[in-house]
Amino acid sequence: MYVLAVFLNRNETLKFERALKQKGVNAMVVSTPKGLGSSCSVSVKFYLKDVSKARYLLIVGNYKSFNHFFKINISKNGVSYEIINI
């Protein structure tokens, strides 16, 4: 299972991805799915098992433009997104 970290600022998105990788988290920048962020935005995708590390980095990194974590749910009916409260 995967999680998307959605930010309102591209620079903070890229900074967060680098911070995750420095902590050993397998993370990548991806296009934000329609409806989860602003148009032409990017998010950080990583494994659900690493969400506690991501939460910690949000706090210590003082990210002002963080929007939400979304759990990616894939089923035979398609893809849906569920907000993960922090």
PDB file of N, CA and C in Angstrom:
ATOM      1  N   MET A   1       0.833  -1.182   0.000  1.00  0.00           N
ATOM      2  CA  MET A   1       0.000   0.000   0.000  1.00  0.00           C
ATOM      3  C   MET A   1       0.876   1.242   0.000  1.00  0.00           C
ATOM      4  N   TYR A   2       0.354   2.253  -0.652  1.00  0.00           N
ATOM      5  CA  TYR A   2       1.087   3.504  -0.790  1.00  0.00           C
ATOM      6  C   TYR A   2       0.337   4.677  -0.165  1.00  0.00           C
ATOM      7  N   VAL A   3       1.097   5.733   0.084  1.00  0.00           N
ATOM      8  CA  VAL A   3       0.563   6.989   0.615  1.00  0.00           C
ATOM      9  C   VAL A   3       1.071   8.117  -0.276  1.00  0.00           C
ATOM     10  N   LEU A   4       0.233   9.130  -0.449  1.00  0.00           N
ATOM     11  CA  LEU A   4       0.653  10.362  -1.104  1.00  0.00           C
ATOM     12  C   LEU A   4       0.707  11.468  -0.062  1.00  0.00           C
ATOM     13  N   ALA A   5       1.787  12.219  -0.071  1.00  0.00           N
ATOM     14  CA  ALA A   5       1.889  13.425   0.743  1.00  0.00           C
ATOM     15  C   ALA A   5       1.661  14.593  -0.213  1.00  0.00           C
ATOM     16  N   VAL A   6       0.585  15.332   0.010  1.00  0.00           N
ATOM     17  CA  VAL A   6       0.212  16.423  -0.888  1.00  0.00           C
ATOM     18  C   VAL A   6       0.543  17.755  -0.223  1.00  0.00           C
ATOM     19  N   PHE A   7       1.243  18.576  -0.966  1.00  0.00           N
ATOM     20  CA  PHE A   7       1.642  19.909  -0.512  1.00  0.00           C
ATOM     21  C   PHE A   7       1.046  20.945  -1.461  1.00  0.00           C
ATOM     22  N   LEU A   8       1.002  22.176  -1.016  1.00  0.00           N
ATOM     23  CA  LEU A   8       0.513  23.278  -1.837  1.00  0.00           C
ATOM     24  C   LEU A   8       1.665  24.039  -2.488  1.00  0.00           C
ATOM     25  N   ASN A   9       2.889  23.611  -2.220  1.00  0.00           N
ATOM     26  CA  ASN A   9       4.069  24.294  -2.718  1.00  0.00           C
ATOM     27  C   ASN A   9       5.036  23.264  -3.290  1.00  0.00           C
ATOM     28  N   ARG A  10       5.426  23.446  -4.539  1.00  0.00           N
ATOM     29  CA  ARG A  10       6.304  22.492  -5.218  1.00  0.00           C
ATOM     30  C   ARG A  10       7.667  22.378  -4.519  1.00  0.00           C
ATOM     31  N   ASN A  11       8.237  23.492  -4.089  1.00  0.00           N
ATOM     32  CA  ASN A  11       9.546  23.453  -3.436  1.00  0.00           C
ATOM     33  C   ASN A  11       9.510  22.630  -2.158  1.00  0.00           C
ATOM     34  N   GLU A  12       8.456  22.776  -1.369  1.00  0.00           N
ATOM     35  CA  GLU A  12       8.347  21.977  -0.146  1.00  0.00           C
ATOM     36  C   GLU A  12       8.139  20.500  -0.469  1.00  0.00           C
ATOM     37  N   THR A  13       7.453  20.212  -1.552  1.00  0.00           N
ATOM     38  CA  THR A  13       7.271  18.822  -1.982  1.00  0.00           C
ATOM     39  C   THR A  13       8.623  18.187  -2.254  1.00  0.00           C
ATOM     40  N   LEU A  14       9.451  18.884  -3.007  1.00  0.00           N
ATOM     41  CA  LEU A  14      10.770  18.356  -3.363  1.00  0.00           C
ATOM     42  C   LEU A  14      11.666  18.245  -2.127  1.00  0.00           C
ATOM     43  N   LYS A  15      11.575  19.207  -1.234  1.00  0.00           N
ATOM     44  CA  LYS A  15      12.344  19.178   0.021  1.00  0.00           C
ATOM     45  C   LYS A  15      11.924  17.977   0.871  1.00  0.00           C
ATOM     46  N   PHE A  16      10.621  17.704   0.938  1.00  0.00           N
ATOM     47  CA  PHE A  16      10.108  16.581   1.724  1.00  0.00           C
ATOM     48  C   PHE A  16      10.576  15.252   1.133  1.00  0.00           C
ATOM     49  N   GLU A  17      10.560  15.141  -0.178  1.00  0.00           N
ATOM     50  CA  GLU A  17      11.028  13.908  -0.818  1.00  0.00           C
ATOM     51  C   GLU A  17      12.500  13.657  -0.482  1.00  0.00           C
ATOM     52  N   ARG A  18      13.319  14.687  -0.548  1.00  0.00           N
ATOM     53  CA  ARG A  18      14.740  14.541  -0.203  1.00  0.00           C
ATOM     54  C   ARG A  18      14.909  14.130   1.270  1.00  0.00           C
ATOM     55  N   ALA A  19      14.118  14.742   2.157  1.00  0.00           N
ATOM     56  CA  ALA A  19      14.197  14.410   3.581  1.00  0.00           C
ATOM     57  C   ALA A  19      13.827  12.943   3.824  1.00  0.00           C
ATOM     58  N   LEU A  20      12.791  12.471   3.149  1.00  0.00           N
ATOM     59  CA  LEU A  20      12.400  11.059   3.279  1.00  0.00           C
ATOM     60  C   LEU A  20      13.529  10.145   2.818  1.00  0.00           C
ATOM     61  N   LYS A  21      14.109  10.444   1.686  1.00  0.00           N
ATOM     62  CA  LYS A  21      15.192   9.608   1.159  1.00  0.00           C
ATOM     63  C   LYS A  21      16.395   9.610   2.099  1.00  0.00           C
ATOM     64  N   GLN A  22      16.676  10.745   2.716  1.00  0.00           N
ATOM     65  CA  GLN A  22      17.796  10.810   3.673  1.00  0.00           C
ATOM     66  C   GLN A  22      17.541   9.935   4.890  1.00  0.00           C
ATOM     67  N   LYS A  23      16.274   9.689   5.212  1.00  0.00           N
ATOM     68  CA  LYS A  23      15.907   8.804   6.330  1.00  0.00           C
ATOM     69  C   LYS A  23      15.746   7.351   5.878  1.00  0.00           C
ATOM     70  N   GLY A  24      16.091   7.060   4.620  1.00  0.00           N
ATOM     71  CA  GLY A  24      16.041   5.693   4.119  1.00  0.00           C
ATOM     72  C   GLY A  24      14.688   5.255   3.595  1.00  0.00           C
ATOM     73  N   VAL A  25      13.786   6.206   3.378  1.00  0.00           N
ATOM     74  CA  VAL A  25      12.452   5.882   2.870  1.00  0.00           C
ATOM     75  C   VAL A  25      12.485   5.886   1.347  1.00  0.00           C
ATOM     76  N   ASN A  26      11.928   4.845   0.750  1.00  0.00           N
ATOM     77  CA  ASN A  26      11.806   4.765  -0.703  1.00  0.00           C
ATOM     78  C   ASN A  26      10.662   5.681  -1.118  1.00  0.00           C
ATOM     79  N   ALA A  27      10.989   6.845  -1.669  1.00  0.00           N
ATOM     80  CA  ALA A  27       9.982   7.850  -2.007  1.00  0.00           C
ATOM     81  C   ALA A  27      10.240   8.373  -3.409  1.00  0.00           C
ATOM     82  N   MET A  28       9.162   8.836  -4.048  1.00  0.00           N
ATOM     83  CA  MET A  28       9.301   9.426  -5.372  1.00  0.00           C
ATOM     84  C   MET A  28       8.278  10.531  -5.565  1.00  0.00           C
ATOM     85  N   VAL A  29       8.646  11.498  -6.390  1.00  0.00           N
ATOM     86  CA  VAL A  29       7.736  12.587  -6.736  1.00  0.00           C
ATOM     87  C   VAL A  29       6.867  12.121  -7.897  1.00  0.00           C
ATOM     88  N   VAL A  30       5.555  12.316  -7.752  1.00  0.00           N
ATOM     89  CA  VAL A  30       4.589  11.917  -8.778  1.00  0.00           C
ATOM     90  C   VAL A  30       3.597  13.055  -9.007  1.00  0.00           C
ATOM     91  N   SER A  31       2.915  13.023 -10.122  1.00  0.00           N
ATOM     92  CA  SER A  31       1.849  13.991 -10.370  1.00  0.00           C
ATOM     93  C   SER A  31       0.719  13.760  -9.379  1.00  0.00           C
ATOM     94  N   THR A  32       0.188  14.838  -8.848  1.00  0.00           N
ATOM     95  CA  THR A  32      -0.931  14.730  -7.917  1.00  0.00           C
ATOM     96  C   THR A  32      -2.197  14.355  -8.684  1.00  0.00           C
ATOM     97  N   PRO A  33      -2.894  13.308  -8.256  1.00  0.00           N
ATOM     98  CA  PRO A  33      -4.137  12.937  -8.940  1.00  0.00           C
ATOM     99  C   PRO A  33      -5.158  14.073  -8.916  1.00  0.00           C
ATOM    100  N   LYS A  34      -5.913  14.147  -9.959  1.00  0.00           N
ATOM    101  CA  LYS A  34      -6.946  15.181 -10.078  1.00  0.00           C
ATOM    102  C   LYS A  34      -7.878  15.129  -8.871  1.00  0.00           C
ATOM    103  N   GLY A  35      -8.155  16.287  -8.311  1.00  0.00           N
ATOM    104  CA  GLY A  35      -9.063  16.367  -7.174  1.00  0.00           C
ATOM    105  C   GLY A  35      -8.383  16.358  -5.812  1.00  0.00           C
ATOM    106  N   LEU A  36      -7.085  16.013  -5.773  1.00  0.00           N
ATOM    107  CA  LEU A  36      -6.383  15.975  -4.487  1.00  0.00           C
ATOM    108  C   LEU A  36      -5.539  17.212  -4.240  1.00  0.00           C
ATOM    109  N   GLY A  37      -5.272  17.965  -5.260  1.00  0.00           N
ATOM    110  CA  GLY A  37      -4.439  19.155  -5.118  1.00  0.00           C
ATOM    111  C   GLY A  37      -4.727  20.132  -6.225  1.00  0.00           C
ATOM    112  N   SER A  38      -3.904  21.140  -6.324  1.00  0.00           N
ATOM    113  CA  SER A  38      -4.083  22.115  -7.391  1.00  0.00           C
ATOM    114  C   SER A  38      -3.629  21.522  -8.721  1.00  0.00           C
ATOM    115  N   SER A  39      -4.042  22.126  -9.797  1.00  0.00           N
ATOM    116  CA  SER A  39      -3.676  21.605 -11.111  1.00  0.00           C
ATOM    117  C   SER A  39      -2.163  21.697 -11.303  1.00  0.00           C
ATOM    118  N   CYS A  40      -1.628  20.737 -12.001  1.00  0.00           N
ATOM    119  CA  CYS A  40      -0.187  20.671 -12.307  1.00  0.00           C
ATOM    120  C   CYS A  40       0.685  20.576 -11.063  1.00  0.00           C
ATOM    121  N   SER A  41       0.172  20.023  -9.984  1.00  0.00           N
ATOM    122  CA  SER A  41       0.985  19.901  -8.774  1.00  0.00           C
ATOM    123  C   SER A  41       1.629  18.510  -8.706  1.00  0.00           C
ATOM    124  N   VAL A  42       2.602  18.398  -7.823  1.00  0.00           N
ATOM    125  CA  VAL A  42       3.258  17.120  -7.595  1.00  0.00           C
ATOM    126  C   VAL A  42       3.139  16.754  -6.121  1.00  0.00           C
ATOM    127  N   SER A  43       3.214  15.459  -5.859  1.00  0.00           N
ATOM    128  CA  SER A  43       3.121  14.911  -4.510  1.00  0.00           C
ATOM    129  C   SER A  43       4.276  13.942  -4.302  1.00  0.00           C
ATOM    130  N   VAL A  44       4.411  13.471  -3.077  1.00  0.00           N
ATOM    131  CA  VAL A  44       5.422  12.470  -2.767  1.00  0.00           C
ATOM    132  C   VAL A  44       4.712  11.157  -2.451  1.00  0.00           C
ATOM    133  N   LYS A  45       5.125  10.105  -3.141  1.00  0.00           N
ATOM    134  CA  LYS A  45       4.544   8.776  -2.956  1.00  0.00           C
ATOM    135  C   LYS A  45       5.549   7.902  -2.212  1.00  0.00           C
ATOM    136  N   PHE A  46       5.045   7.192  -1.186  1.00  0.00           N
ATOM    137  CA  PHE A  46       5.898   6.298  -0.412  1.00  0.00           C
ATOM    138  C   PHE A  46       5.031   5.190   0.183  1.00  0.00           C
ATOM    139  N   TYR A  47       5.683   4.189   0.772  1.00  0.00           N
ATOM    140  CA  TYR A  47       4.945   3.057   1.341  1.00  0.00           C
ATOM    141  C   TYR A  47       4.256   3.442   2.655  1.00  0.00           C
ATOM    142  N   LEU A  48       3.091   2.875   2.878  1.00  0.00           N
ATOM    143  CA  LEU A  48       2.312   3.112   4.090  1.00  0.00           C
ATOM    144  C   LEU A  48       3.115   2.789   5.345  1.00  0.00           C
ATOM    145  N   LYS A  49       3.980   1.802   5.286  1.00  0.00           N
ATOM    146  CA  LYS A  49       4.774   1.399   6.458  1.00  0.00           C
ATOM    147  C   LYS A  49       5.702   2.523   6.939  1.00  0.00           C
ATOM    148  N   ASP A  50       5.947   3.524   6.094  1.00  0.00           N
ATOM    149  CA  ASP A  50       6.849   4.614   6.442  1.00  0.00           C
ATOM    150  C   ASP A  50       6.122   5.883   6.872  1.00  0.00           C
ATOM    151  N   VAL A  51       4.822   5.805   7.111  1.00  0.00           N
ATOM    152  CA  VAL A  51       4.061   7.016   7.433  1.00  0.00           C
ATOM    153  C   VAL A  51       4.491   7.642   8.757  1.00  0.00           C
ATOM    154  N   SER A  52       4.937   6.852   9.716  1.00  0.00           N
ATOM    155  CA  SER A  52       5.375   7.434  10.993  1.00  0.00           C
ATOM    156  C   SER A  52       6.649   8.265  10.802  1.00  0.00           C
ATOM    157  N   LYS A  53       7.561   7.802   9.960  1.00  0.00           N
ATOM    158  CA  LYS A  53       8.753   8.596   9.650  1.00  0.00           C
ATOM    159  C   LYS A  53       8.349   9.890   8.943  1.00  0.00           C
ATOM    160  N   ALA A  54       7.397   9.788   8.039  1.00  0.00           N
ATOM    161  CA  ALA A  54       6.933  10.968   7.303  1.00  0.00           C
ATOM    162  C   ALA A  54       6.290  11.983   8.251  1.00  0.00           C
ATOM    163  N   ARG A  55       5.490  11.517   9.192  1.00  0.00           N
ATOM    164  CA  ARG A  55       4.872  12.412  10.176  1.00  0.00           C
ATOM    165  C   ARG A  55       5.940  13.147  10.985  1.00  0.00           C
ATOM    166  N   TYR A  56       6.946  12.413  11.417  1.00  0.00           N
ATOM    167  CA  TYR A  56       8.038  13.007  12.180  1.00  0.00           C
ATOM    168  C   TYR A  56       8.740  14.097  11.362  1.00  0.00           C
ATOM    169  N   LEU A  57       9.038  13.794  10.102  1.00  0.00           N
ATOM    170  CA  LEU A  57       9.725  14.768   9.252  1.00  0.00           C
ATOM    171  C   LEU A  57       8.879  16.008   8.997  1.00  0.00           C
ATOM    172  N   LEU A  58       7.565  15.839   8.940  1.00  0.00           N
ATOM    173  CA  LEU A  58       6.683  17.008   8.789  1.00  0.00           C
ATOM    174  C   LEU A  58       6.824  17.948   9.977  1.00  0.00           C
ATOM    175  N   ILE A  59       6.903  17.376  11.156  1.00  0.00           N
ATOM    176  CA  ILE A  59       6.991  18.183  12.369  1.00  0.00           C
ATOM    177  C   ILE A  59       8.337  18.895  12.454  1.00  0.00           C
ATOM    178  N   VAL A  60       9.417  18.152  12.290  1.00  0.00           N
ATOM    179  CA  VAL A  60      10.740  18.759  12.444  1.00  0.00           C
ATOM    180  C   VAL A  60      11.099  19.668  11.274  1.00  0.00           C
ATOM    181  N   GLY A  61      10.505  19.416  10.105  1.00  0.00           N
ATOM    182  CA  GLY A  61      10.800  20.224   8.929  1.00  0.00           C
ATOM    183  C   GLY A  61       9.978  21.489   8.822  1.00  0.00           C
ATOM    184  N   ASN A  62       8.954  21.618   9.671  1.00  0.00           N
ATOM    185  CA  ASN A  62       8.116  22.815   9.694  1.00  0.00           C
ATOM    186  C   ASN A  62       7.575  23.177   8.307  1.00  0.00           C
ATOM    187  N   TYR A  63       6.948  22.216   7.661  1.00  0.00           N
ATOM    188  CA  TYR A  63       6.389  22.415   6.326  1.00  0.00           C
ATOM    189  C   TYR A  63       5.076  23.179   6.428  1.00  0.00           C
ATOM    190  N   LYS A  64       5.043  24.354   5.873  1.00  0.00           N
ATOM    191  CA  LYS A  64       3.852  25.221   5.960  1.00  0.00           C
ATOM    192  C   LYS A  64       2.786  24.878   4.930  1.00  0.00           C
ATOM    193  N   SER A  65       3.183  24.264   3.817  1.00  0.00           N
ATOM    194  CA  SER A  65       2.224  24.045   2.733  1.00  0.00           C
ATOM    195  C   SER A  65       1.686  22.615   2.680  1.00  0.00           C
ATOM    196  N   PHE A  66       1.981  21.816   3.716  1.00  0.00           N
ATOM    197  CA  PHE A  66       1.458  20.446   3.726  1.00  0.00           C
ATOM    198  C   PHE A  66      -0.057  20.478   3.744  1.00  0.00           C
ATOM    199  N   ASN A  67      -0.660  19.635   2.898  1.00  0.00           N
ATOM    200  CA  ASN A  67      -2.113  19.567   2.804  1.00  0.00           C
ATOM    201  C   ASN A  67      -2.629  18.340   3.563  1.00  0.00           C
ATOM    202  N   HIS A  68      -2.359  17.138   3.046  1.00  0.00           N
ATOM    203  CA  HIS A  68      -2.819  15.886   3.664  1.00  0.00           C
ATOM    204  C   HIS A  68      -1.969  14.722   3.214  1.00  0.00           C
ATOM    205  N   PHE A  69      -2.046  13.644   3.996  1.00  0.00           N
ATOM    206  CA  PHE A  69      -1.615  12.329   3.547  1.00  0.00           C
ATOM    207  C   PHE A  69      -2.860  11.634   3.010  1.00  0.00           C
ATOM    208  N   PHE A  70      -2.712  10.961   1.885  1.00  0.00           N
ATOM    209  CA  PHE A  70      -3.798  10.169   1.321  1.00  0.00           C
ATOM    210  C   PHE A  70      -3.324   8.741   1.122  1.00  0.00           C
ATOM    211  N   LYS A  71      -4.046   7.791   1.678  1.00  0.00           N
ATOM    212  CA  LYS A  71      -3.782   6.381   1.441  1.00  0.00           C
ATOM    213  C   LYS A  71      -4.384   6.031   0.081  1.00  0.00           C
ATOM    214  N   ILE A  72      -3.617   5.339  -0.742  1.00  0.00           N
ATOM    215  CA  ILE A  72      -4.084   4.946  -2.069  1.00  0.00           C
ATOM    216  C   ILE A  72      -4.723   3.561  -1.961  1.00  0.00           C
ATOM    217  N   ASN A  73      -6.003   3.486  -2.272  1.00  0.00           N
ATOM    218  CA  ASN A  73      -6.728   2.219  -2.245  1.00  0.00           C
ATOM    219  C   ASN A  73      -6.994   1.780  -3.688  1.00  0.00           C
ATOM    220  N   ILE A  74      -6.486   0.605  -4.039  1.00  0.00           N
ATOM    221  CA  ILE A  74      -6.678   0.071  -5.389  1.00  0.00           C
ATOM    222  C   ILE A  74      -7.560  -1.156  -5.294  1.00  0.00           C
ATOM    223  N   SER A  75      -8.648  -1.153  -6.062  1.00  0.00           N
ATOM    224  CA  SER A  75      -9.557  -2.296  -6.095  1.00  0.00           C
ATOM    225  C   SER A  75      -9.939  -2.552  -7.545  1.00  0.00           C
ATOM    226  N   LYS A  76     -10.730  -3.578  -7.765  1.00  0.00           N
ATOM    227  CA  LYS A  76     -11.160  -3.865  -9.137  1.00  0.00           C
ATOM    228  C   LYS A  76     -12.098  -2.784  -9.665  1.00  0.00           C
ATOM    229  N   ASN A  77     -12.637  -1.951  -8.780  1.00  0.00           N
ATOM    230  CA  ASN A  77     -13.499  -0.840  -9.193  1.00  0.00           C
ATOM    231  C   ASN A  77     -12.699   0.422  -9.524  1.00  0.00           C
ATOM    232  N   GLY A  78     -11.401   0.404  -9.286  1.00  0.00           N
ATOM    233  CA  GLY A  78     -10.562   1.552  -9.593  1.00  0.00           C
ATOM    234  C   GLY A  78      -9.740   1.996  -8.405  1.00  0.00           C
ATOM    235  N   VAL A  79      -9.282   3.217  -8.476  1.00  0.00           N
ATOM    236  CA  VAL A  79      -8.412   3.789  -7.439  1.00  0.00           C
ATOM    237  C   VAL A  79      -9.210   4.816  -6.656  1.00  0.00           C
ATOM    238  N   SER A  80      -9.070   4.763  -5.333  1.00  0.00           N
ATOM    239  CA  SER A  80      -9.685   5.786  -4.478  1.00  0.00           C
ATOM    240  C   SER A  80      -8.638   6.244  -3.468  1.00  0.00           C
ATOM    241  N   TYR A  81      -8.927   7.365  -2.843  1.00  0.00           N
ATOM    242  CA  TYR A  81      -7.977   7.975  -1.920  1.00  0.00           C
ATOM    243  C   TYR A  81      -8.682   8.268  -0.605  1.00  0.00           C
ATOM    244  N   GLU A  82      -7.996   7.932   0.480  1.00  0.00           N
ATOM    245  CA  GLU A  82      -8.548   8.107   1.833  1.00  0.00           C
ATOM    246  C   GLU A  82      -7.602   8.981   2.646  1.00  0.00           C
ATOM    247  N   ILE A  83      -8.114  10.042   3.229  1.00  0.00           N
ATOM    248  CA  ILE A  83      -7.294  10.918   4.047  1.00  0.00           C
ATOM    249  C   ILE A  83      -6.816  10.172   5.290  1.00  0.00           C
ATOM    250  N   ILE A  84      -5.532  10.307   5.583  1.00  0.00           N
ATOM    251  CA  ILE A  84      -4.963   9.780   6.813  1.00  0.00           C
ATOM    252  C   ILE A  84      -4.768  10.966   7.739  1.00  0.00           C
ATOM    253  N   ASN A  85      -5.432  10.953   8.854  1.00  0.00           N
ATOM    254  CA  ASN A  85      -5.307  12.042   9.824  1.00  0.00           C
ATOM    255  C   ASN A  85      -4.000  11.909  10.580  1.00  0.00           C
ATOM    256  N   ILE A  86      -3.358  13.053  10.809  1.00  0.00           N
ATOM    257  CA  ILE A  86      -2.078  12.994  11.525  1.00  0.00           C
ATOM    258  C   ILE A  86      -2.196  13.544  12.897  1.00  0.00           C
TER     259      ILE A  86
END
